[in-house]
């Protein structure tokens, strides 16, 4: 996975799939959060969906963080 700069106390990681689509995951480096259906651990969350480009995967992760979806 590639690592993006920190965004709102989260580090965003992206990786390409064999299909050519991209996925992203976020690591909460701030305060602990409640585990959700998308959580892999109490600090790592996979952003739902697959994207056509790395930039789309990064943007989806930023929107996921901004909407507070990782806190539900």
PDB file of N, CA and C in Angstrom:
ATOM      1  N   UNK A   1       0.836  -1.179   0.000  1.00  0.00           N
ATOM      2  CA  UNK A   1       0.000   0.000   0.000  1.00  0.00           C
ATOM      3  C   UNK A   1       0.882   1.243   0.000  1.00  0.00           C
ATOM      4  N   UNK A   2       0.409   2.261  -0.697  1.00  0.00           N
ATOM      5  CA  UNK A   2       1.099   3.549  -0.692  1.00  0.00           C
ATOM      6  C   UNK A   2       0.551   4.389   0.450  1.00  0.00           C
ATOM      7  N   UNK A   3       1.367   5.270   0.936  1.00  0.00           N
ATOM      8  CA  UNK A   3       1.011   6.100   2.081  1.00  0.00           C
ATOM      9  C   UNK A   3       0.874   7.561   1.658  1.00  0.00           C
ATOM     10  N   UNK A   4      -0.231   8.181   2.035  1.00  0.00           N
ATOM     11  CA  UNK A   4      -0.488   9.588   1.736  1.00  0.00           C
ATOM     12  C   UNK A   4      -0.182  10.403   2.985  1.00  0.00           C
ATOM     13  N   UNK A   5       0.020  11.700   2.845  1.00  0.00           N
ATOM     14  CA  UNK A   5       0.216  12.530   4.033  1.00  0.00           C
ATOM     15  C   UNK A   5      -0.976  12.430   4.991  1.00  0.00           C
ATOM     16  N   UNK A   6      -0.766  12.890   6.184  1.00  0.00           N
ATOM     17  CA  UNK A   6      -1.804  12.846   7.211  1.00  0.00           C
ATOM     18  C   UNK A   6      -2.925  13.811   6.848  1.00  0.00           C
ATOM     19  N   UNK A   7      -4.176  13.355   7.035  1.00  0.00           N
ATOM     20  CA  UNK A   7      -5.358  14.165   6.767  1.00  0.00           C
ATOM     21  C   UNK A   7      -6.287  14.049   7.965  1.00  0.00           C
ATOM     22  N   UNK A   8      -6.489  15.136   8.677  1.00  0.00           N
ATOM     23  CA  UNK A   8      -7.387  15.183   9.838  1.00  0.00           C
ATOM     24  C   UNK A   8      -7.140  14.010  10.807  1.00  0.00           C
ATOM     25  N   UNK A   9      -5.902  13.879  11.243  1.00  0.00           N
ATOM     26  CA  UNK A   9      -5.477  12.850  12.198  1.00  0.00           C
ATOM     27  C   UNK A   9      -5.653  11.425  11.671  1.00  0.00           C
ATOM     28  N   UNK A  10      -5.600  11.258  10.358  1.00  0.00           N
ATOM     29  CA  UNK A  10      -5.679   9.945   9.728  1.00  0.00           C
ATOM     30  C   UNK A  10      -4.583   9.854   8.670  1.00  0.00           C
ATOM     31  N   UNK A  11      -3.980   8.700   8.562  1.00  0.00           N
ATOM     32  CA  UNK A  11      -3.045   8.434   7.478  1.00  0.00           C
ATOM     33  C   UNK A  11      -3.807   7.590   6.464  1.00  0.00           C
ATOM     34  N   UNK A  12      -3.756   7.976   5.192  1.00  0.00           N
ATOM     35  CA  UNK A  12      -4.475   7.271   4.138  1.00  0.00           C
ATOM     36  C   UNK A  12      -3.493   6.387   3.372  1.00  0.00           C
ATOM     37  N   UNK A  13      -3.872   5.148   3.172  1.00  0.00           N
ATOM     38  CA  UNK A  13      -3.077   4.203   2.393  1.00  0.00           C
ATOM     39  C   UNK A  13      -3.907   3.770   1.186  1.00  0.00           C
ATOM     40  N   UNK A  14      -3.276   3.685   0.029  1.00  0.00           N
ATOM     41  CA  UNK A  14      -3.956   3.212  -1.175  1.00  0.00           C
ATOM     42  C   UNK A  14      -3.184   2.039  -1.761  1.00  0.00           C
ATOM     43  N   UNK A  15      -3.901   1.183  -2.481  1.00  0.00           N
ATOM     44  CA  UNK A  15      -3.246   0.068  -3.158  1.00  0.00           C
ATOM     45  C   UNK A  15      -4.048  -0.306  -4.399  1.00  0.00           C
ATOM     46  N   UNK A  16      -3.353  -0.677  -5.476  1.00  0.00           N
ATOM     47  CA  UNK A  16      -4.070  -1.128  -6.664  1.00  0.00           C
ATOM     48  C   UNK A  16      -4.423  -2.614  -6.536  1.00  0.00           C
ATOM     49  N   UNK A  17      -5.558  -2.983  -7.084  1.00  0.00           N
ATOM     50  CA  UNK A  17      -5.951  -4.386  -7.148  1.00  0.00           C
ATOM     51  C   UNK A  17      -5.472  -4.962  -8.476  1.00  0.00           C
ATOM     52  N   UNK A  18      -5.449  -6.280  -8.592  1.00  0.00           N
ATOM     53  CA  UNK A  18      -5.039  -6.909  -9.846  1.00  0.00           C
ATOM     54  C   UNK A  18      -5.949  -6.506 -11.001  1.00  0.00           C
ATOM     55  N   UNK A  19      -7.189  -6.158 -10.697  1.00  0.00           N
ATOM     56  CA  UNK A  19      -8.154  -5.740 -11.718  1.00  0.00           C
ATOM     57  C   UNK A  19      -7.839  -4.356 -12.271  1.00  0.00           C
ATOM     58  N   UNK A  20      -6.916  -3.623 -11.628  1.00  0.00           N
ATOM     59  CA  UNK A  20      -6.596  -2.267 -12.051  1.00  0.00           C
ATOM     60  C   UNK A  20      -7.347  -1.204 -11.259  1.00  0.00           C
ATOM     61  N   UNK A  21      -8.301  -1.625 -10.435  1.00  0.00           N
ATOM     62  CA  UNK A  21      -9.044  -0.688  -9.595  1.00  0.00           C
ATOM     63  C   UNK A  21      -8.227  -0.429  -8.326  1.00  0.00           C
ATOM     64  N   UNK A  22      -8.611   0.594  -7.579  1.00  0.00           N
ATOM     65  CA  UNK A  22      -7.876   1.003  -6.378  1.00  0.00           C
ATOM     66  C   UNK A  22      -8.764   0.912  -5.147  1.00  0.00           C
ATOM     67  N   UNK A  23      -8.158   0.624  -4.001  1.00  0.00           N
ATOM     68  CA  UNK A  23      -8.844   0.659  -2.710  1.00  0.00           C
ATOM     69  C   UNK A  23      -8.034   1.537  -1.762  1.00  0.00           C
ATOM     70  N   UNK A  24      -8.687   1.952  -0.677  1.00  0.00           N
ATOM     71  CA  UNK A  24      -7.976   2.753   0.323  1.00  0.00           C
ATOM     72  C   UNK A  24      -8.368   2.313   1.720  1.00  0.00           C
ATOM     73  N   UNK A  25      -7.472   2.571   2.636  1.00  0.00           N
ATOM     74  CA  UNK A  25      -7.701   2.304   4.050  1.00  0.00           C
ATOM     75  C   UNK A  25      -7.176   3.509   4.816  1.00  0.00           C
ATOM     76  N   UNK A  26      -7.770   3.755   5.977  1.00  0.00           N
ATOM     77  CA  UNK A  26      -7.326   4.875   6.802  1.00  0.00           C
ATOM     78  C   UNK A  26      -6.886   4.354   8.162  1.00  0.00           C
ATOM     79  N   UNK A  27      -5.850   4.988   8.686  1.00  0.00           N
ATOM     80  CA  UNK A  27      -5.340   4.660  10.013  1.00  0.00           C
ATOM     81  C   UNK A  27      -5.545   5.887  10.891  1.00  0.00           C
ATOM     82  N   UNK A  28      -6.328   5.739  11.927  1.00  0.00           N
ATOM     83  CA  UNK A  28      -6.599   6.823  12.858  1.00  0.00           C
ATOM     84  C   UNK A  28      -5.382   6.977  13.763  1.00  0.00           C
ATOM     85  N   UNK A  29      -4.702   8.121  13.661  1.00  0.00           N
ATOM     86  CA  UNK A  29      -3.531   8.351  14.508  1.00  0.00           C
ATOM     87  C   UNK A  29      -3.860   9.332  15.624  1.00  0.00           C
ATOM     88  N   UNK A  30      -5.136   9.715  15.709  1.00  0.00           N
ATOM     89  CA  UNK A  30      -5.600  10.607  16.768  1.00  0.00           C
ATOM     90  C   UNK A  30      -6.233   9.793  17.874  1.00  0.00           C
ATOM     91  N   UNK A  31      -7.322  10.299  18.412  1.00  0.00           N
ATOM     92  CA  UNK A  31      -7.997   9.603  19.505  1.00  0.00           C
ATOM     93  C   UNK A  31      -8.631   8.306  19.008  1.00  0.00           C
ATOM     94  N   UNK A  32      -8.784   7.359  19.910  1.00  0.00           N
ATOM     95  CA  UNK A  32      -9.388   6.072  19.577  1.00  0.00           C
ATOM     96  C   UNK A  32     -10.834   6.275  19.169  1.00  0.00           C
ATOM     97  N   UNK A  33     -11.355   5.367  18.347  1.00  0.00           N
ATOM     98  CA  UNK A  33     -12.724   5.480  17.859  1.00  0.00           C
ATOM     99  C   UNK A  33     -13.491   4.198  18.125  1.00  0.00           C
ATOM    100  N   UNK A  34     -14.773   4.284  17.951  1.00  0.00           N
ATOM    101  CA  UNK A  34     -15.637   3.122  18.083  1.00  0.00           C
ATOM    102  C   UNK A  34     -15.460   2.253  16.846  1.00  0.00           C
ATOM    103  N   UNK A  35     -15.409   0.936  17.032  1.00  0.00           N
ATOM    104  CA  UNK A  35     -15.269   0.016  15.912  1.00  0.00           C
ATOM    105  C   UNK A  35     -16.585   0.005  15.135  1.00  0.00           C
ATOM    106  N   UNK A  36     -16.502   0.102  13.791  1.00  0.00           N
ATOM    107  CA  UNK A  36     -17.674   0.093  12.916  1.00  0.00           C
ATOM    108  C   UNK A  36     -17.633  -1.134  12.017  1.00  0.00           C
ATOM    109  N   UNK A  37     -18.637  -1.288  11.168  1.00  0.00           N
ATOM    110  CA  UNK A  37     -18.687  -2.427  10.250  1.00  0.00           C
ATOM    111  C   UNK A  37     -17.543  -2.404   9.236  1.00  0.00           C
ATOM    112  N   UNK A  38     -16.947  -1.233   8.976  1.00  0.00           N
ATOM    113  CA  UNK A  38     -15.841  -1.113   8.034  1.00  0.00           C
ATOM    114  C   UNK A  38     -14.471  -1.249   8.699  1.00  0.00           C
ATOM    115  N   UNK A  39     -14.439  -1.326  10.034  1.00  0.00           N
ATOM    116  CA  UNK A  39     -13.180  -1.376  10.773  1.00  0.00           C
ATOM    117  C   UNK A  39     -12.472  -2.708  10.574  1.00  0.00           C
ATOM    118  N   UNK A  40     -11.167  -2.634  10.407  1.00  0.00           N
ATOM    119  CA  UNK A  40     -10.338  -3.839  10.402  1.00  0.00           C
ATOM    120  C   UNK A  40      -9.766  -4.058  11.802  1.00  0.00           C
ATOM    121  N   UNK A  41      -9.435  -2.960  12.493  1.00  0.00           N
ATOM    122  CA  UNK A  41      -9.018  -2.972  13.897  1.00  0.00           C
ATOM    123  C   UNK A  41      -9.583  -1.706  14.521  1.00  0.00           C
ATOM    124  N   UNK A  42      -9.219  -1.416  15.777  1.00  0.00           N
ATOM    125  CA  UNK A  42      -9.738  -0.196  16.403  1.00  0.00           C
ATOM    126  C   UNK A  42      -9.105   1.073  15.841  1.00  0.00           C
ATOM    127  N   UNK A  43      -8.057   0.953  15.012  1.00  0.00           N
ATOM    128  CA  UNK A  43      -7.450   2.141  14.401  1.00  0.00           C
ATOM    129  C   UNK A  43      -7.450   2.104  12.874  1.00  0.00           C
ATOM    130  N   UNK A  44      -7.682   0.946  12.265  1.00  0.00           N
ATOM    131  CA  UNK A  44      -7.623   0.808  10.805  1.00  0.00           C
ATOM    132  C   UNK A  44      -9.019   0.543  10.247  1.00  0.00           C
ATOM    133  N   UNK A  45      -9.387   1.317   9.222  1.00  0.00           N
ATOM    134  CA  UNK A  45     -10.686   1.172   8.579  1.00  0.00           C
ATOM    135  C   UNK A  45     -10.492   1.108   7.076  1.00  0.00           C
ATOM    136  N   UNK A  46     -11.148   0.135   6.441  1.00  0.00           N
ATOM    137  CA  UNK A  46     -11.136   0.063   4.980  1.00  0.00           C
ATOM    138  C   UNK A  46     -12.260   0.943   4.471  1.00  0.00           C
ATOM    139  N   UNK A  47     -11.925   1.843   3.581  1.00  0.00           N
ATOM    140  CA  UNK A  47     -12.934   2.713   2.982  1.00  0.00           C
ATOM    141  C   UNK A  47     -13.733   1.856   1.993  1.00  0.00           C
ATOM    142  N   UNK A  48     -15.066   1.819   2.129  1.00  0.00           N
ATOM    143  CA  UNK A  48     -15.877   0.984   1.227  1.00  0.00           C
ATOM    144  C   UNK A  48     -15.719   1.410  -0.237  1.00  0.00           C
ATOM    145  N   UNK A  49     -15.701   0.446  -1.120  1.00  0.00           N
ATOM    146  CA  UNK A  49     -15.676   0.720  -2.554  1.00  0.00           C
ATOM    147  C   UNK A  49     -14.339   0.460  -3.208  1.00  0.00           C
ATOM    148  N   UNK A  50     -14.391   0.370  -4.525  1.00  0.00           N
ATOM    149  CA  UNK A  50     -13.216   0.247  -5.378  1.00  0.00           C
ATOM    150  C   UNK A  50     -13.292   1.390  -6.379  1.00  0.00           C
ATOM    151  N   UNK A  51     -12.132   1.926  -6.763  1.00  0.00           N
ATOM    152  CA  UNK A  51     -12.101   3.154  -7.540  1.00  0.00           C
ATOM    153  C   UNK A  51     -11.240   2.986  -8.784  1.00  0.00           C
ATOM    154  N   UNK A  52     -11.532   3.786  -9.813  1.00  0.00           N
ATOM    155  CA  UNK A  52     -10.834   3.682 -11.094  1.00  0.00           C
ATOM    156  C   UNK A  52      -9.405   4.216 -11.051  1.00  0.00           C
ATOM    157  N   UNK A  53      -9.103   5.085 -10.087  1.00  0.00           N
ATOM    158  CA  UNK A  53      -7.760   5.651 -10.014  1.00  0.00           C
ATOM    159  C   UNK A  53      -7.340   5.816  -8.554  1.00  0.00           C
ATOM    160  N   UNK A  54      -6.046   6.005  -8.385  1.00  0.00           N
ATOM    161  CA  UNK A  54      -5.523   6.239  -7.047  1.00  0.00           C
ATOM    162  C   UNK A  54      -6.089   7.549  -6.485  1.00  0.00           C
ATOM    163  N   UNK A  55      -6.175   8.569  -7.327  1.00  0.00           N
ATOM    164  CA  UNK A  55      -6.707   9.854  -6.865  1.00  0.00           C
ATOM    165  C   UNK A  55      -8.159   9.719  -6.397  1.00  0.00           C
ATOM    166  N   UNK A  56      -8.966   8.930  -7.096  1.00  0.00           N
ATOM    167  CA  UNK A  56     -10.351   8.708  -6.674  1.00  0.00           C
ATOM    168  C   UNK A  56     -10.389   7.976  -5.330  1.00  0.00           C
ATOM    169  N   UNK A  57      -9.493   7.024  -5.127  1.00  0.00           N
ATOM    170  CA  UNK A  57      -9.432   6.299  -3.851  1.00  0.00           C
ATOM    171  C   UNK A  57      -9.032   7.234  -2.720  1.00  0.00           C
ATOM    172  N   UNK A  58      -8.074   8.129  -2.974  1.00  0.00           N
ATOM    173  CA  UNK A  58      -7.663   9.113  -1.974  1.00  0.00           C
ATOM    174  C   UNK A  58      -8.810  10.066  -1.641  1.00  0.00           C
ATOM    175  N   UNK A  59      -9.508  10.543  -2.680  1.00  0.00           N
ATOM    176  CA  UNK A  59     -10.620  11.462  -2.463  1.00  0.00           C
ATOM    177  C   UNK A  59     -11.742  10.784  -1.676  1.00  0.00           C
ATOM    178  N   UNK A  60     -12.028   9.535  -1.984  1.00  0.00           N
ATOM    179  CA  UNK A  60     -13.061   8.798  -1.258  1.00  0.00           C
ATOM    180  C   UNK A  60     -12.684   8.668   0.219  1.00  0.00           C
ATOM    181  N   UNK A  61     -11.408   8.429   0.490  1.00  0.00           N
ATOM    182  CA  UNK A  61     -10.950   8.321   1.876  1.00  0.00           C
ATOM    183  C   UNK A  61     -11.094   9.659   2.595  1.00  0.00           C
ATOM    184  N   UNK A  62     -10.721  10.743   1.929  1.00  0.00           N
ATOM    185  CA  UNK A  62     -10.862  12.069   2.539  1.00  0.00           C
ATOM    186  C   UNK A  62     -12.334  12.379   2.842  1.00  0.00           C
ATOM    187  N   UNK A  63     -13.225  12.048   1.903  1.00  0.00           N
ATOM    188  CA  UNK A  63     -14.658  12.275   2.123  1.00  0.00           C
ATOM    189  C   UNK A  63     -15.175  11.405   3.259  1.00  0.00           C
ATOM    190  N   UNK A  64     -14.723  10.158   3.316  1.00  0.00           N
ATOM    191  CA  UNK A  64     -15.121   9.231   4.383  1.00  0.00           C
ATOM    192  C   UNK A  64     -14.727   9.805   5.742  1.00  0.00           C
ATOM    193  N   UNK A  65     -13.515  10.327   5.824  1.00  0.00           N
ATOM    194  CA  UNK A  65     -13.036  10.939   7.072  1.00  0.00           C
ATOM    195  C   UNK A  65     -13.847  12.205   7.381  1.00  0.00           C
ATOM    196  N   UNK A  66     -14.026  13.063   6.391  1.00  0.00           N
ATOM    197  CA  UNK A  66     -14.697  14.345   6.588  1.00  0.00           C
ATOM    198  C   UNK A  66     -16.155  14.204   7.018  1.00  0.00           C
ATOM    199  N   UNK A  67     -16.825  13.171   6.519  1.00  0.00           N
ATOM    200  CA  UNK A  67     -18.228  12.970   6.878  1.00  0.00           C
ATOM    201  C   UNK A  67     -18.378  12.285   8.236  1.00  0.00           C
ATOM    202  N   UNK A  68     -17.248  11.842   8.796  1.00  0.00           N
ATOM    203  CA  UNK A  68     -17.314  11.177  10.093  1.00  0.00           C
ATOM    204  C   UNK A  68     -17.796   9.746   9.999  1.00  0.00           C
ATOM    205  N   UNK A  69     -17.798   9.161   8.815  1.00  0.00           N
ATOM    206  CA  UNK A  69     -18.270   7.782   8.645  1.00  0.00           C
ATOM    207  C   UNK A  69     -17.450   6.802   9.468  1.00  0.00           C
ATOM    208  N   UNK A  70     -16.181   7.116   9.731  1.00  0.00           N
ATOM    209  CA  UNK A  70     -15.340   6.217  10.520  1.00  0.00           C
ATOM    210  C   UNK A  70     -15.661   6.318  12.011  1.00  0.00           C
ATOM    211  N   UNK A  71     -16.569   7.211  12.386  1.00  0.00           N
ATOM    212  CA  UNK A  71     -16.948   7.367  13.791  1.00  0.00           C
ATOM    213  C   UNK A  71     -18.315   6.768  14.087  1.00  0.00           C
ATOM    214  N   UNK A  72     -19.018   6.213  13.073  1.00  0.00           N
ATOM    215  CA  UNK A  72     -20.371   5.704  13.287  1.00  0.00           C
ATOM    216  C   UNK A  72     -20.369   4.413  14.047  1.00  0.00           C
TER     217      UNK A  72
END
